[in-house]
Amino acid sequence: MPTRVLLFNADGNDTELPFTAAALQKPGGRQLLWVDLEGEVPENLADTLVALELDASSLGRLARPPAGHPYLTHSGAYLTLGVKAAQNARTFIPLTVVAGENFVVTAHPQGIGPLSTFMGEMQGDTQLGQLDSAAFVSVLLSRVLESYFTAMNGLEDQTDHLDERLLRPDPPEDPLEELVDLRRQAGDLRRELARHRPVFMHLAGADFVVYAGDQHEAQFGRLLTQFEHTLESALHTRDMVVESFDLYMARLGQRTNDIMRVLTIVTLTLGILAAVAGLMGMNFQADLFKTGNAGFRDVLIGSALLIVVILVISRRRKWL
């Protein structure tokens, strides 16, 4: 999706504007301007956004979204923050947000699923012009947290599928490598989300304001609660993967027991045959040892029948 400029007007019609300096004027009351920069940022960014009076540091962060830890800065007239949305459990997309009175500018190098969905939901006139920029930032960050939920759902689906395979009588392959990969993804997802805690806590602080007269307390307070719930869900996802490890170990233990039962039956059978052979090799002058080929045949048949009886009993008792 290319760069888009949306002007939300609570007293009129919402309008999509061209990305030009002439069109981008500072909005008035009950209006909200959203500039969304996706992909490569235009070279004339500073000239185009001149009406918003952004400083060089904020313009630089919009042009080059930092790939480091999340951050939050405040210049007095507007805030600048950087967070990361989850494309999946492996890939995280940096998102830079600059918000001042009645305007919000966002920049991200590639599409963010929940953010694109949110933009697609805004068909026709909306009442977003009634929101101040602080409330709109809260909506955007809520969508960022939603991206982590989507990534967690993908991990949980993979874990459930793996558990189903582990519970089959004969798993097709050893899933240890897949389990290790799932655990690494769950850990990376939780750690990346946890790095955002200072940003959300600072936003929800009583001493924080986006601009004079904003109404941010309730929105950012709910956002912090949503963040804590998302982090708890990430911990739950990691626990699900750990439980799959426990299931895998239980399956290994069961497989070891099955092998030991088979080896025990084999040992018992060979032991009986060895005992019979030992008895038949004794040097007593009994009539049994004088029966020749018929006696040898009867011993073999008897030994075979004894083996069959052992196998039948083992099968019925589910030892095999």
Protein backbone atom coordinates (compact mmCIF):
# COMPACT_ATOMS: atom_id res chain seq x y z
CA MET A 1 0.00 0.00 0.00
CA PRO A 2 1.54 3.37 -1.00
CA THR A 3 1.72 6.49 1.13
CA ARG A 4 -1.76 7.68 2.09
CA VAL A 5 -3.02 10.89 3.65
CA LEU A 6 -6.43 10.87 5.33
CA LEU A 7 -8.20 13.88 6.83
CA PHE A 8 -10.96 12.89 9.23
CA ASN A 9 -13.57 15.60 9.75
CA ALA A 10 -16.21 15.15 12.45
CA ASP A 11 -18.25 18.06 11.04
CA GLY A 12 -17.90 17.18 7.37
CA ASN A 13 -16.67 14.51 5.01
CA ASP A 14 -13.53 12.45 5.46
CA THR A 15 -11.10 13.15 2.63
CA GLU A 16 -8.07 11.42 1.14
CA LEU A 17 -5.50 14.05 0.24
CA PRO A 18 -2.50 13.98 -2.09
CA PHE A 19 0.92 13.85 -0.47
CA THR A 20 1.91 17.41 -1.30
CA ALA A 21 2.90 20.40 0.79
CA ALA A 22 -0.04 22.40 -0.58
CA ALA A 23 -2.57 19.78 0.54
CA LEU A 24 -0.99 19.04 3.92
CA GLN A 25 -2.03 21.94 6.10
CA LYS A 26 -2.30 21.75 9.85
CA PRO A 27 -5.87 20.61 10.63
CA GLY A 28 -8.29 22.58 12.79
CA GLY A 29 -10.57 21.53 15.62
CA ARG A 30 -12.63 18.32 15.29
CA GLN A 31 -10.30 17.26 12.50
CA LEU A 32 -7.57 14.65 12.52
CA LEU A 33 -4.87 14.28 9.87
CA TRP A 34 -3.23 10.88 9.41
CA VAL A 35 -0.20 10.54 7.14
CA ASP A 36 0.83 6.90 6.67
CA LEU A 37 4.22 6.35 5.01
CA GLU A 38 4.70 2.76 3.88
CA GLY A 39 7.83 1.54 2.17
CA GLU A 40 10.51 3.93 1.02
CA VAL A 41 9.96 7.40 2.45
CA PRO A 42 9.87 10.21 -0.16
CA GLU A 43 12.99 12.36 -0.36
CA ASN A 44 10.93 15.55 -0.07
CA LEU A 45 9.50 14.47 3.30
CA ALA A 46 10.66 17.57 5.22
CA ASP A 47 9.31 19.95 2.57
CA THR A 48 6.00 18.12 2.33
CA LEU A 49 5.39 18.05 6.09
CA VAL A 50 6.59 21.61 6.67
CA ALA A 51 3.16 22.69 7.96
CA LEU A 52 3.42 20.21 10.84
CA GLU A 53 6.62 21.88 12.08
CA LEU A 54 8.49 18.66 12.92
CA ASP A 55 12.10 18.89 14.05
CA ALA A 56 15.01 17.21 12.26
CA SER A 57 15.22 14.34 14.74
CA SER A 58 11.60 13.28 14.23
CA LEU A 59 11.88 13.65 10.46
CA GLY A 60 15.01 11.50 10.52
CA ARG A 61 13.27 8.77 12.47
CA LEU A 62 10.36 8.81 10.03
CA ALA A 63 12.77 8.49 7.11
CA ARG A 64 14.80 5.72 8.74
CA PRO A 65 12.73 3.73 11.25
CA PRO A 66 15.22 2.50 13.88
CA ALA A 67 15.60 -1.26 14.23
CA GLY A 68 16.64 -1.15 17.90
CA HIS A 69 14.63 -1.18 21.10
CA PRO A 70 11.25 0.60 21.33
CA TYR A 71 11.51 4.21 22.46
CA LEU A 72 9.38 7.21 23.40
CA THR A 73 10.44 10.86 23.23
CA HIS A 74 8.47 14.03 23.81
CA SER A 75 9.35 17.48 22.52
CA GLY A 76 6.54 19.41 24.22
CA ALA A 77 4.54 19.97 21.05
CA TYR A 78 4.36 16.35 19.94
CA LEU A 79 5.60 12.88 20.79
CA THR A 80 7.74 10.49 18.77
CA LEU A 81 7.71 6.78 19.51
CA GLY A 82 9.04 3.65 17.88
CA VAL A 83 7.55 0.20 18.33
CA LYS A 84 7.65 -3.08 16.46
CA ALA A 85 4.70 -4.98 15.07
CA ALA A 86 4.85 -8.74 14.62
CA GLN A 87 4.53 -9.99 11.06
CA ASN A 88 4.99 -13.47 12.51
CA ALA A 89 6.94 -15.01 15.37
CA ARG A 90 10.21 -14.52 13.45
CA THR A 91 9.80 -11.12 11.76
CA PHE A 92 9.12 -7.78 13.43
CA ILE A 93 8.36 -4.58 11.52
CA PRO A 94 9.48 -1.22 13.00
CA LEU A 95 6.77 1.43 13.22
CA THR A 96 7.53 5.10 13.90
CA VAL A 97 4.71 7.34 15.15
CA VAL A 98 4.85 11.12 15.44
CA ALA A 99 1.75 12.69 16.99
CA GLY A 100 0.86 16.27 17.81
CA GLU A 101 -2.33 18.27 18.13
CA ASN A 102 -4.78 16.95 15.52
CA PHE A 103 -2.19 15.07 13.44
CA VAL A 104 -0.48 11.68 13.43
CA VAL A 105 2.31 10.58 11.08
CA THR A 106 3.29 6.90 10.86
CA ALA A 107 6.13 5.27 8.95
CA HIS A 108 6.92 1.59 8.42
CA PRO A 109 9.12 -0.12 5.80
CA GLN A 110 6.48 -2.69 4.83
CA GLY A 111 2.83 -3.47 5.37
CA ILE A 112 1.54 -4.27 8.85
CA GLY A 113 -1.45 -6.60 8.65
CA PRO A 114 -3.72 -5.20 11.40
CA LEU A 115 -2.83 -1.63 10.41
CA SER A 116 -3.75 -2.30 6.78
CA THR A 117 -6.97 -3.94 7.93
CA PHE A 118 -7.79 -0.90 10.04
CA MET A 119 -7.22 1.40 7.09
CA GLY A 120 -9.38 -0.83 4.90
CA GLU A 121 -12.23 -0.67 7.44
CA MET A 122 -12.45 3.11 7.09
CA GLN A 123 -14.87 3.21 4.18
CA GLY A 124 -16.88 6.38 3.77
CA ASP A 125 -17.28 9.00 6.47
CA THR A 126 -16.21 8.12 9.99
CA GLN A 127 -16.29 9.88 13.33
CA LEU A 128 -12.55 9.63 13.82
CA GLY A 129 -12.34 13.41 13.57
CA GLN A 130 -13.77 13.51 17.09
CA LEU A 131 -10.68 11.73 18.40
CA ASP A 132 -7.66 13.69 19.45
CA SER A 133 -4.25 12.47 18.33
CA ALA A 134 -3.59 10.80 21.70
CA ALA A 135 -6.68 8.62 21.33
CA PHE A 136 -5.76 7.82 17.72
CA VAL A 137 -2.25 6.78 18.76
CA SER A 138 -3.88 4.49 21.31
CA VAL A 139 -5.95 2.91 18.50
CA LEU A 140 -2.82 2.39 16.36
CA LEU A 141 -0.86 0.83 19.22
CA SER A 142 -3.80 -1.43 19.97
CA ARG A 143 -3.50 -2.71 16.39
CA VAL A 144 0.21 -3.28 16.97
CA LEU A 145 -0.63 -5.46 19.98
CA GLU A 146 -3.17 -7.26 17.81
CA SER A 147 -0.32 -8.26 15.49
CA TYR A 148 1.30 -10.11 18.40
CA PHE A 149 -1.96 -11.93 19.08
CA THR A 150 -2.04 -12.99 15.43
CA ALA A 151 1.54 -14.29 15.65
CA MET A 152 0.70 -16.14 18.88
CA ASN A 153 -2.31 -17.76 17.24
CA GLY A 154 -0.05 -19.03 14.47
CA LEU A 155 2.36 -20.53 17.00
CA GLU A 156 -0.46 -22.13 18.96
CA ASP A 157 -1.88 -23.67 15.77
CA GLN A 158 1.54 -25.16 14.98
CA THR A 159 1.84 -26.46 18.54
CA ASP A 160 -1.63 -28.04 18.45
CA HIS A 161 -0.83 -29.73 15.14
CA LEU A 162 2.43 -31.05 16.58
CA ASP A 163 0.64 -32.37 19.68
CA GLU A 164 -1.80 -34.25 17.46
CA ARG A 165 1.10 -35.89 15.64
CA LEU A 166 2.76 -36.79 18.94
CA LEU A 167 -0.41 -38.48 20.15
CA ARG A 168 -0.64 -40.76 17.12
CA PRO A 169 0.32 -44.39 17.76
CA ASP A 170 3.27 -44.12 15.35
CA PRO A 171 4.54 -40.54 14.91
CA PRO A 172 5.97 -40.17 11.37
CA GLU A 173 9.25 -38.53 12.44
CA ASP A 174 11.14 -37.24 15.43
CA PRO A 175 9.73 -33.72 16.12
CA LEU A 176 12.54 -32.58 18.45
CA GLU A 177 14.01 -30.09 15.96
CA GLU A 178 10.56 -28.63 15.30
CA LEU A 179 9.93 -28.35 19.05
CA VAL A 180 13.20 -26.50 19.56
CA ASP A 181 12.30 -24.10 16.75
CA LEU A 182 8.82 -23.46 18.20
CA ARG A 183 10.28 -22.78 21.61
CA ARG A 184 12.78 -20.34 20.13
CA GLN A 185 10.00 -18.52 18.27
CA ALA A 186 7.82 -18.32 21.39
CA GLY A 187 10.74 -16.95 23.39
CA ASP A 188 11.63 -14.36 20.73
CA LEU A 189 8.01 -13.23 20.51
CA ARG A 190 7.68 -12.81 24.28
CA ARG A 191 11.01 -10.99 24.60
CA GLU A 192 10.23 -8.61 21.74
CA LEU A 193 6.86 -7.78 23.27
CA ALA A 194 8.34 -7.35 26.77
CA ARG A 195 10.75 -4.70 25.44
CA HIS A 196 7.72 -2.44 24.87
CA ARG A 197 6.81 -2.31 28.57
CA PRO A 198 8.61 1.04 29.29
CA VAL A 199 6.84 2.70 26.35
CA PHE A 200 3.35 1.63 27.42
CA MET A 201 4.01 2.38 31.09
CA HIS A 202 5.30 5.87 30.25
CA LEU A 203 2.30 6.57 28.02
CA ALA A 204 -0.08 5.59 30.83
CA GLY A 205 1.76 7.72 33.41
CA ALA A 206 -0.18 10.53 35.08
CA ASP A 207 2.54 13.04 34.19
CA PHE A 208 2.52 12.28 30.46
CA VAL A 209 0.77 14.51 27.90
CA VAL A 210 0.92 14.48 24.14
CA TYR A 211 0.01 18.15 23.97
CA ALA A 212 -1.69 20.59 26.31
CA GLY A 213 -5.36 19.74 26.85
CA ASP A 214 -5.33 16.22 25.36
CA GLN A 215 -7.52 13.48 26.79
CA HIS A 216 -5.11 10.59 26.98
CA GLU A 217 -5.45 9.14 30.47
CA ALA A 218 -8.31 6.69 29.89
CA GLN A 219 -7.11 5.54 26.46
CA PHE A 220 -3.50 4.90 27.48
CA GLY A 221 -4.61 3.30 30.75
CA ARG A 222 -6.70 0.78 28.79
CA LEU A 223 -3.80 0.35 26.37
CA LEU A 224 -1.46 -0.59 29.23
CA THR A 225 -4.01 -3.15 30.43
CA GLN A 226 -4.22 -4.58 26.90
CA PHE A 227 -0.43 -4.76 26.77
CA GLU A 228 -0.32 -6.70 30.05
CA HIS A 229 -2.96 -9.13 28.76
CA THR A 230 -1.01 -9.57 25.52
CA LEU A 231 2.16 -10.30 27.48
CA GLU A 232 0.30 -12.85 29.60
CA SER A 233 -0.92 -14.50 26.40
CA ALA A 234 2.67 -14.63 25.14
CA LEU A 235 3.70 -16.38 28.35
CA HIS A 236 0.80 -18.81 27.89
CA THR A 237 1.95 -19.52 24.33
CA ARG A 238 5.46 -20.27 25.56
CA ASP A 239 4.01 -22.56 28.25
CA MET A 240 2.08 -24.42 25.55
CA VAL A 241 5.33 -25.13 23.72
CA VAL A 242 6.97 -26.27 26.98
CA GLU A 243 4.03 -28.60 27.59
CA SER A 244 4.61 -30.05 24.13
CA PHE A 245 8.16 -30.83 25.28
CA ASP A 246 6.66 -32.68 28.25
CA LEU A 247 4.38 -34.59 25.89
CA TYR A 248 7.36 -35.41 23.70
CA MET A 249 9.31 -36.73 26.71
CA ALA A 250 6.31 -38.79 27.76
CA ARG A 251 6.14 -40.30 24.27
CA LEU A 252 9.86 -41.08 24.44
CA GLY A 253 9.34 -42.76 27.81
CA GLN A 254 6.44 -44.76 26.44
CA ARG A 255 8.48 -45.80 23.41
CA THR A 256 11.33 -46.87 25.69
CA ASN A 257 8.89 -48.94 27.76
CA ASP A 258 7.55 -50.57 24.59
CA ILE A 259 11.07 -51.48 23.51
CA MET A 260 11.89 -52.86 26.95
CA ARG A 261 8.74 -55.01 26.91
CA VAL A 262 9.68 -56.42 23.52
CA LEU A 263 13.24 -57.09 24.67
CA THR A 264 11.92 -58.76 27.82
CA ILE A 265 9.68 -61.09 25.79
CA VAL A 266 12.57 -61.86 23.43
CA THR A 267 14.88 -62.55 26.40
CA LEU A 268 12.27 -64.78 28.03
CA THR A 269 11.73 -66.72 24.81
CA LEU A 270 15.43 -67.20 24.16
CA GLY A 271 15.94 -68.16 27.81
CA ILE A 272 13.30 -70.89 27.56
CA LEU A 273 14.89 -72.20 24.37
CA ALA A 274 18.31 -72.16 26.05
CA ALA A 275 16.88 -74.03 29.04
CA VAL A 276 15.31 -76.67 26.82
CA ALA A 277 18.54 -77.03 24.86
CA GLY A 278 20.46 -77.36 28.11
CA LEU A 279 18.16 -80.06 29.39
CA MET A 280 18.35 -81.94 26.12
CA GLY A 281 22.12 -81.77 26.26
CA MET A 282 22.39 -83.57 29.60
CA ASN A 283 24.19 -86.93 29.59
CA PHE A 284 21.58 -89.01 31.37
CA GLN A 285 20.66 -92.31 29.77
CA ALA A 286 16.94 -91.55 29.76
CA ASP A 287 14.54 -93.04 27.22
CA LEU A 288 13.76 -89.54 25.98
CA PHE A 289 17.29 -89.18 24.62
CA LYS A 290 16.95 -92.41 22.67
CA THR A 291 14.01 -91.39 20.50
CA GLY A 292 16.21 -90.08 17.67
CA ASN A 293 14.76 -87.84 14.98
CA ALA A 294 11.22 -88.14 16.33
CA GLY A 295 12.30 -86.88 19.72
CA PHE A 296 14.25 -84.03 18.17
CA ARG A 297 11.19 -83.09 16.13
CA ASP A 298 8.93 -83.22 19.19
CA VAL A 299 11.29 -80.98 21.15
CA LEU A 300 11.30 -78.41 18.34
CA ILE A 301 7.52 -78.50 18.05
CA GLY A 302 7.11 -78.22 21.81
CA SER A 303 9.51 -75.29 21.96
CA ALA A 304 7.66 -73.56 19.12
CA LEU A 305 4.32 -74.10 20.85
CA LEU A 306 5.73 -72.71 24.07
CA ILE A 307 6.93 -69.60 22.22
CA VAL A 308 3.47 -69.20 20.65
CA VAL A 309 1.82 -69.47 24.08
CA ILE A 310 4.16 -66.79 25.47
CA LEU A 311 3.44 -64.48 22.54
CA VAL A 312 -0.33 -65.00 22.82
CA ILE A 313 -0.31 -64.28 26.54
CA SER A 314 1.88 -61.21 26.00
CA ARG A 315 -0.43 -59.96 23.28
CA ARG A 316 -3.56 -60.41 25.37
CA ARG A 317 -1.99 -58.58 28.28
CA LYS A 318 -0.87 -55.86 25.86
CA TRP A 319 2.78 -56.39 26.63
CA LEU A 320 3.36 -56.34 22.87
